[in-house]
Structures are given as structure tokens and as C-alpha cells.
C-alpha atoms as a PDB file:
ATOM      1  CA  MET A   1      24.843   8.975   8.774  1.00  0.00           C
ATOM      2  CA  PRO A   2      26.385   5.990  10.782  1.00  0.00           C
ATOM      3  CA  VAL A   3      24.403   2.317  11.164  1.00  0.00           C
ATOM      4  CA  SER A   4      23.944   1.389  14.330  1.00  0.00           C
ATOM      5  CA  ARG A   5      24.677  -1.994  15.866  1.00  0.00           C
ATOM      6  CA  ARG A   6      21.296  -3.097  16.162  1.00  0.00           C
ATOM      7  CA  ALA A   7      20.729  -2.063  12.405  1.00  0.00           C
ATOM      8  CA  GLU A   8      23.797  -3.975  11.430  1.00  0.00           C
ATOM      9  CA  GLU A   9      22.395  -7.279  13.378  1.00  0.00           C
ATOM     10  CA  GLU A  10      18.872  -6.998  11.487  1.00  0.00           C
ATOM     11  CA  GLN A  11      20.957  -6.615   8.287  1.00  0.00           C
ATOM     12  CA  GLN A  12      22.860  -9.794   9.232  1.00  0.00           C
ATOM     13  CA  GLY A  13      19.684 -11.582   9.851  1.00  0.00           C
ATOM     14  CA  THR A  14      18.159 -10.526   6.609  1.00  0.00           C
ATOM     15  CA  GLY A  15      21.537 -11.897   4.889  1.00  0.00           C
ATOM     16  CA  SER A  16      21.191 -15.110   6.774  1.00  0.00           C
ATOM     17  CA  GLU A  17      17.862 -15.742   5.535  1.00  0.00           C
ATOM     18  CA  SER A  18      18.515 -14.799   2.264  1.00  0.00           C
ATOM     19  CA  LYS A  19      20.909 -18.071   2.096  1.00  0.00           C
ATOM     20  CA  MET A  20      18.065 -20.266   2.796  1.00  0.00           C
ATOM     21  CA  PRO A  21      16.188 -21.957  -0.431  1.00  0.00           C
ATOM     22  CA  GLN A  22      13.824 -19.415  -2.007  1.00  0.00           C
ATOM     23  CA  GLY A  23      11.015 -19.757  -4.344  1.00  0.00           C
ATOM     24  CA  GLU A  24      10.200 -17.553  -7.325  1.00  0.00           C
ATOM     25  CA  CYS A  25      10.343 -14.197  -5.451  1.00  0.00           C
ATOM     26  CA  PHE A  26      11.207 -12.685  -2.293  1.00  0.00           C
ATOM     27  CA  ILE A  27       8.540 -10.104  -0.637  1.00  0.00           C
ATOM     28  CA  SER A  28       9.357  -7.402   1.877  1.00  0.00           C
ATOM     29  CA  ILE A  29       6.519  -5.016   3.510  1.00  0.00           C
ATOM     30  CA  LEU A  30       8.459  -2.199   5.266  1.00  0.00           C
ATOM     31  CA  SER A  31       6.580   0.179   7.163  1.00  0.00           C
ATOM     32  CA  SER A  32       8.262   2.845   9.415  1.00  0.00           C
ATOM     33  CA  HIS A  33       9.313   6.127   9.519  1.00  0.00           C
ATOM     34  CA  GLY A  34      12.000   7.180   6.745  1.00  0.00           C
ATOM     35  CA  GLN A  35      13.847   9.737   4.802  1.00  0.00           C
ATOM     36  CA  GLU A  36      15.080   9.292   1.271  1.00  0.00           C
ATOM     37  CA  GLY A  37      17.064   6.169   1.065  1.00  0.00           C
ATOM     38  CA  LEU A  38      16.688   4.785   4.560  1.00  0.00           C
ATOM     39  CA  ILE A  39      13.938   3.685   6.953  1.00  0.00           C
ATOM     40  CA  TYR A  40      14.308   3.621  10.855  1.00  0.00           C
ATOM     41  CA  ASP A  41      14.176   0.526  12.698  1.00  0.00           C
ATOM     42  CA  PHE A  42      11.959  -0.251  15.813  1.00  0.00           C
ATOM     43  CA  TYR A  43      14.776   1.484  17.981  1.00  0.00           C
ATOM     44  CA  GLY A  44      14.978   4.583  15.864  1.00  0.00           C
ATOM     45  CA  GLU A  45      18.130   3.525  14.102  1.00  0.00           C
ATOM     46  CA  PRO A  46      18.459   3.968  10.470  1.00  0.00           C
ATOM     47  CA  VAL A  47      18.619   1.218   7.950  1.00  0.00           C
ATOM     48  CA  PHE A  48      19.732   1.969   4.522  1.00  0.00           C
ATOM     49  CA  LEU A  49      17.860   0.578   1.895  1.00  0.00           C
ATOM     50  CA  LYS A  50      20.784   0.037  -0.309  1.00  0.00           C
ATOM     51  CA  ASP A  51      22.129  -2.211   2.263  1.00  0.00           C
ATOM     52  CA  LEU A  52      19.152  -4.342   2.266  1.00  0.00           C
ATOM     53  CA  CYS A  53      19.348  -4.741  -1.584  1.00  0.00           C
ATOM     54  CA  SER A  54      23.133  -5.562  -1.471  1.00  0.00           C
ATOM     55  CA  ILE A  55      22.413  -8.137   1.026  1.00  0.00           C
ATOM     56  CA  LEU A  56      19.966 -10.096  -1.276  1.00  0.00           C
ATOM     57  CA  ASP A  57      22.341  -9.191  -4.456  1.00  0.00           C
ATOM     58  CA  PRO A  58      22.928 -12.836  -6.044  1.00  0.00           C
ATOM     59  CA  ARG A  59      26.784 -11.750  -5.626  1.00  0.00           C
ATOM     60  CA  ASN A  60      26.239 -11.724  -2.151  1.00  0.00           C
ATOM     61  CA  SER A  61      23.946 -14.610  -1.805  1.00  0.00           C
ATOM     62  CA  SER A  62      23.979 -17.265  -4.436  1.00  0.00           C
ATOM     63  CA  ASN A  63      20.420 -18.489  -3.606  1.00  0.00           C
ATOM     64  CA  MET A  64      19.086 -15.272  -4.759  1.00  0.00           C
ATOM     65  CA  GLU A  65      20.179 -15.814  -8.271  1.00  0.00           C
ATOM     66  CA  GLY A  66      17.044 -15.805 -10.677  1.00  0.00           C
ATOM     67  CA  VAL A  67      14.601 -14.891  -7.491  1.00  0.00           C
ATOM     68  CA  ALA A  68      12.500 -11.482  -7.980  1.00  0.00           C
ATOM     69  CA  LYS A  69      13.084  -9.144  -4.701  1.00  0.00           C
ATOM     70  CA  LEU A  70       9.843  -7.149  -4.247  1.00  0.00           C
ATOM     71  CA  PHE A  71       9.897  -4.146  -1.445  1.00  0.00           C
ATOM     72  CA  PHE A  72       6.900  -2.281  -0.611  1.00  0.00           C
ATOM     73  CA  VAL A  73       8.134   0.896   1.493  1.00  0.00           C
ATOM     74  CA  GLN A  74       5.537   2.736   3.567  1.00  0.00           C
ATOM     75  CA  ALA A  75       8.035   5.488   4.829  1.00  0.00           C
ATOM     76  CA  CYS A  76       8.410   9.015   4.134  1.00  0.00           C
ATOM     77  CA  ARG A  77      11.150  10.120   1.540  1.00  0.00           C
ATOM     78  CA  GLY A  78      11.325  13.784   2.642  1.00  0.00           C
ATOM     79  CA  GLU A  79       9.320  16.587   4.028  1.00  0.00           C
ATOM     80  CA  GLU A  80       7.509  17.995   1.152  1.00  0.00           C
ATOM     81  CA  LEU A  81       3.721  17.904   0.876  1.00  0.00           C
ATOM     82  CA  ASP A  82       2.275  17.133  -2.506  1.00  0.00           C
ATOM     83  CA  LYS A  83      -0.811  19.402  -3.387  1.00  0.00           C
ATOM     84  CA  GLY A  84      -1.770  17.485  -6.220  1.00  0.00           C
ATOM     85  CA  VAL A  85      -2.857  18.834  -9.792  1.00  0.00           C
ATOM     86  CA  PHE A  86      -6.195  19.387 -10.937  1.00  0.00           C
ATOM     87  CA  ILE A  87      -6.731  17.535 -13.961  1.00  0.00           C
ATOM     88  CA  GLU A  88      -9.855  17.841 -16.524  1.00  0.00           C
ATOM     89  CA  THR A  89      -9.880  15.587 -19.355  1.00  0.00           C
ATOM     90  CA  ASP A  90     -12.076  13.551 -21.733  1.00  0.00           C
ATOM     91  CA  SER A  91      -9.722  10.898 -22.474  1.00  0.00           C
ATOM     92  CA  ALA A  92      -6.699   9.060 -20.613  1.00  0.00           C
ATOM     93  CA  PRO A  93      -4.126  11.083 -19.627  1.00  0.00           C
ATOM     94  CA  GLY A  94      -0.403  10.577 -21.027  1.00  0.00           C
ATOM     95  CA  ALA A  95       2.151   9.848 -18.167  1.00  0.00           C
ATOM     96  CA  SER A  96       5.721  10.435 -18.340  1.00  0.00           C
ATOM     97  CA  ASP A  97       7.437  10.870 -14.926  1.00  0.00           C
ATOM     98  CA  ALA A  98      11.076  11.703 -14.572  1.00  0.00           C
ATOM     99  CA  PHE A  99      12.199   9.209 -11.391  1.00  0.00           C
ATOM    100  CA  SER A 100      15.665   9.329 -10.151  1.00  0.00           C
ATOM    101  CA  LEU A 101      17.005   6.908  -7.141  1.00  0.00           C
ATOM    102  CA  ILE A 102      20.601   6.838  -5.899  1.00  0.00           C
ATOM    103  CA  LEU A 103      20.240   3.119  -5.189  1.00  0.00           C
ATOM    104  CA  HIS A 104      21.599   0.378  -6.976  1.00  0.00           C
ATOM    105  CA  LEU A 105      19.347  -2.163  -7.476  1.00  0.00           C
ATOM    106  CA  PRO A 106      20.323  -5.928  -7.559  1.00  0.00           C
ATOM    107  CA  ARG A 107      18.756  -7.718 -10.919  1.00  0.00           C
ATOM    108  CA  ASP A 108      15.286  -8.582 -10.731  1.00  0.00           C
ATOM    109  CA  THR A 109      14.473  -6.411  -8.054  1.00  0.00           C
ATOM    110  CA  ILE A 110      11.516  -3.610  -7.665  1.00  0.00           C
ATOM    111  CA  ILE A 111      10.961  -1.403  -4.929  1.00  0.00           C
ATOM    112  CA  MET A 112       7.530   0.408  -4.656  1.00  0.00           C
ATOM    113  CA  PHE A 113       7.539   3.439  -2.319  1.00  0.00           C
ATOM    114  CA  ALA A 114       4.415   4.986  -1.018  1.00  0.00           C
ATOM    115  CA  SER A 115       5.736   8.515  -1.969  1.00  0.00           C
ATOM    116  CA  SER A 116       7.683  10.075  -4.572  1.00  0.00           C
ATOM    117  CA  GLU A 117      11.461  11.024  -3.650  1.00  0.00           C
ATOM    118  CA  GLY A 118      11.413  13.913  -1.374  1.00  0.00           C
ATOM    119  CA  TYR A 119       7.934  13.722  -0.082  1.00  0.00           C
ATOM    120  CA  VAL A 120       5.696  12.372   2.815  1.00  0.00           C
ATOM    121  CA  ALA A 121       3.757   9.415   3.470  1.00  0.00           C
ATOM    122  CA  PHE A 122       0.380   9.715   4.962  1.00  0.00           C
ATOM    123  CA  GLN A 123      -1.055   7.038   7.395  1.00  0.00           C
ATOM    124  CA  ASN A 124      -4.466   7.387   9.648  1.00  0.00           C
ATOM    125  CA  PRO A 125      -5.599   5.815  12.630  1.00  0.00           C
ATOM    126  CA  ALA A 126      -6.952   3.014  10.145  1.00  0.00           C
ATOM    127  CA  GLY A 127      -3.510   2.295   8.894  1.00  0.00           C
ATOM    128  CA  ALA A 128      -1.461   3.612   5.739  1.00  0.00           C
ATOM    129  CA  VAL A 129      -3.618   4.480   2.517  1.00  0.00           C
ATOM    130  CA  PHE A 130      -0.468   2.723   0.557  1.00  0.00           C
ATOM    131  CA  LEU A 131      -0.652  -0.552   1.965  1.00  0.00           C
ATOM    132  CA  GLN A 132      -4.596  -0.415   2.486  1.00  0.00           C
ATOM    133  CA  THR A 133      -4.822  -0.165  -1.383  1.00  0.00           C
ATOM    134  CA  LEU A 134      -2.079  -2.805  -1.975  1.00  0.00           C
ATOM    135  CA  CYS A 135      -4.375  -5.283   0.036  1.00  0.00           C
ATOM    136  CA  ASP A 136      -7.529  -4.303  -1.494  1.00  0.00           C
ATOM    137  CA  LEU A 137      -5.748  -4.995  -4.805  1.00  0.00           C
ATOM    138  CA  LEU A 138      -4.777  -8.366  -3.694  1.00  0.00           C
ATOM    139  CA  GLU A 139      -7.791  -9.462  -2.018  1.00  0.00           C
ATOM    140  CA  GLY A 140      -9.645  -8.780  -5.825  1.00  0.00           C
ATOM    141  CA  GLN A 141      -9.103 -10.066  -9.248  1.00  0.00           C
ATOM    142  CA  GLU A 142      -6.190  -7.817  -9.643  1.00  0.00           C
ATOM    143  CA  ARG A 143      -4.000 -10.397  -7.884  1.00  0.00           C
ATOM    144  CA  ASN A 144      -3.886 -12.211 -11.204  1.00  0.00           C
ATOM    145  CA  LEU A 145      -2.364  -9.562 -13.090  1.00  0.00           C
ATOM    146  CA  GLU A 146       1.326  -9.214 -13.994  1.00  0.00           C
ATOM    147  CA  LEU A 147       2.997  -7.129 -11.169  1.00  0.00           C
ATOM    148  CA  ASN A 148       3.733  -4.033 -13.125  1.00  0.00           C
ATOM    149  CA  LYS A 149      -0.146  -3.755 -13.772  1.00  0.00           C
ATOM    150  CA  ILE A 150      -0.975  -4.381 -10.230  1.00  0.00           C
ATOM    151  CA  LEU A 151       1.606  -1.184  -9.119  1.00  0.00           C
ATOM    152  CA  THR A 152       0.118   0.983 -11.921  1.00  0.00           C
ATOM    153  CA  ARG A 153      -3.497   0.309 -10.466  1.00  0.00           C
ATOM    154  CA  LEU A 154      -1.962   0.804  -6.996  1.00  0.00           C
ATOM    155  CA  ASN A 155      -0.466   4.273  -8.068  1.00  0.00           C
ATOM    156  CA  ASN A 156      -3.973   5.067  -9.901  1.00  0.00           C
ATOM    157  CA  ARG A 157      -6.085   4.414  -6.856  1.00  0.00           C
ATOM    158  CA  VAL A 158      -4.020   6.464  -4.457  1.00  0.00           C
ATOM    159  CA  ALA A 159      -3.253   9.309  -6.561  1.00  0.00           C
ATOM    160  CA  ASN A 160      -6.950   9.656  -7.808  1.00  0.00           C
ATOM    161  CA  ASP A 161      -8.977   8.399  -4.459  1.00  0.00           C
ATOM    162  CA  PHE A 162      -6.628   9.639  -1.602  1.00  0.00           C
ATOM    163  CA  HIS A 163      -6.414  13.147   0.093  1.00  0.00           C
ATOM    164  CA  SER A 164      -5.114  13.896   3.434  1.00  0.00           C
ATOM    165  CA  GLN A 165      -7.481  15.044   6.192  1.00  0.00           C
ATOM    166  CA  GLY A 166      -7.049  17.306   9.560  1.00  0.00           C
ATOM    167  CA  ALA A 167      -3.972  19.546   9.584  1.00  0.00           C
ATOM    168  CA  TYR A 168      -3.000  18.631   6.233  1.00  0.00           C
ATOM    169  CA  GLU A 169      -6.420  18.854   4.493  1.00  0.00           C
ATOM    170  CA  GLY A 170      -6.613  18.289   0.996  1.00  0.00           C
ATOM    171  CA  TYR A 171      -2.758  17.158   0.203  1.00  0.00           C
ATOM    172  CA  LYS A 172      -1.898  14.037  -1.999  1.00  0.00           C
ATOM    173  CA  GLU A 173       0.208  10.925  -2.007  1.00  0.00           C
ATOM    174  CA  MET A 174       1.965   9.793  -5.249  1.00  0.00           C
ATOM    175  CA  PRO A 175       3.441   6.301  -5.033  1.00  0.00           C
ATOM    176  CA  CYS A 176       6.143   5.392  -7.141  1.00  0.00           C
ATOM    177  CA  TYR A 177       8.346   2.590  -8.181  1.00  0.00           C
ATOM    178  CA  THR A 178      11.729   1.670  -9.366  1.00  0.00           C
ATOM    179  CA  THR A 179      12.598  -1.540 -11.196  1.00  0.00           C
ATOM    180  CA  ASN A 180      14.839  -3.577 -13.191  1.00  0.00           C
ATOM    181  CA  LEU A 181      12.975  -6.599 -13.499  1.00  0.00           C
ATOM    182  CA  THR A 182      13.813  -8.782 -16.600  1.00  0.00           C
ATOM    183  CA  LYS A 183      10.891 -10.849 -17.000  1.00  0.00           C
ATOM    184  CA  GLU A 184       6.926 -10.509 -16.352  1.00  0.00           C
ATOM    185  CA  LEU A 185       6.046 -11.594 -12.643  1.00  0.00           C
ATOM    186  CA  TYR A 186       2.847 -13.032 -11.421  1.00  0.00           C
ATOM    187  CA  PRO A 187       3.582 -13.094  -7.717  1.00  0.00           C
ATOM    188  CA  PHE A 188       0.103 -12.986  -6.005  1.00  0.00           C
ATOM    189  CA  ARG A 189      -1.686 -15.205  -9.015  1.00  0.00           C
ATOM    190  CA  GLN A 190      -4.300 -17.469  -7.435  1.00  0.00           C
ATOM    191  CA  PHE A 191      -4.855 -20.855  -9.504  1.00  0.00           C
END
């Protein structure tokens, strides 16, 4: 799928911003329609996540060296609907998920998706459950936790507390993330 001229301009703008001095981390929240590996811009043109990551790669922007890059992506990654599974347990379940992503991540990058590969992401008139839950966590004491712990709690809350309403009654959403962080990160900690 070719990238539109507008999408290229947006990517160049992001590239210009990435050349500015940075702090400990760069955080981007992307909320739009999407498919696996891309989101659509305001004009409906595709913007490939691999291109955004490439712009922020320290090999292309030396100011991004040592800067953690966090992306929160609220967008569908396919058309599948997640029916979920019923789990009955008297102890904490073990978790082992296989996850693949056809996207090269620059060092110290993490991408948190609202849904698993191939699945839809839900929103309602009040907004997207994924982003609402993230904001709820960051407004609470969880903001002081290490990033992976925050994201695990986000996964848990969305997976266990959410089910769709209306025409898609009862379907679930399961966020997931991929990372190649090389250090612990506390991007939201308040002192």
C-alpha cells in the first residue's frame, strides 16, 4: 500500500521534532482506525508504524540515542473479534502468550497496542477502554511503578473488566505490547 504525500509530510514533521533535544523518554499516543502495521491519518491515508519507528531510530536521529520511545496505539489490528475464554481458578493463572510483530523496533522502544494482532479494538461514546484504563492507572498510585508493571496491570484490567456492548455484545479486548527496552523505566513517576 503506497504512502500518501500527506502521510510522508507528517512523518517528516515527526522526524524534525525528533532532532530536537529530548528528555528521558519520548511518548506518543496514536488513536485512529488501523490495520496490522499501520494507522490511518486524519485524511484516511496510511501511516506505517515501521516508518514512524525508523524516524526515531538513533541511527536516523542522533538526539534519540538513549531516549526511551513509548507508543500507545489505539487502533484495530485486524477484523477478528475476541470471544475471550472463561477461566475458573483459585490461584493466579500462568501467562505465556506467543506474539509476533513484523516491525523492527529501534533500541529502547516499546509499543503498546489496544488489541492483539489481527483483532479489533473497541471504543464507545465515552472513548476507548484501552486509553481510559491507561489514564485511570496514571492518575492513581500505579504511575509510580516501573513501566512493564503498569502495562501488565493495564492488560489485566482491560482483559478482565471490559466486554463490548450493543451489536458486539460480550466480545473482549486484549491489549499487548512488544518491547526491546534495555533498562527499567519510570516515565510517569511523581516525586
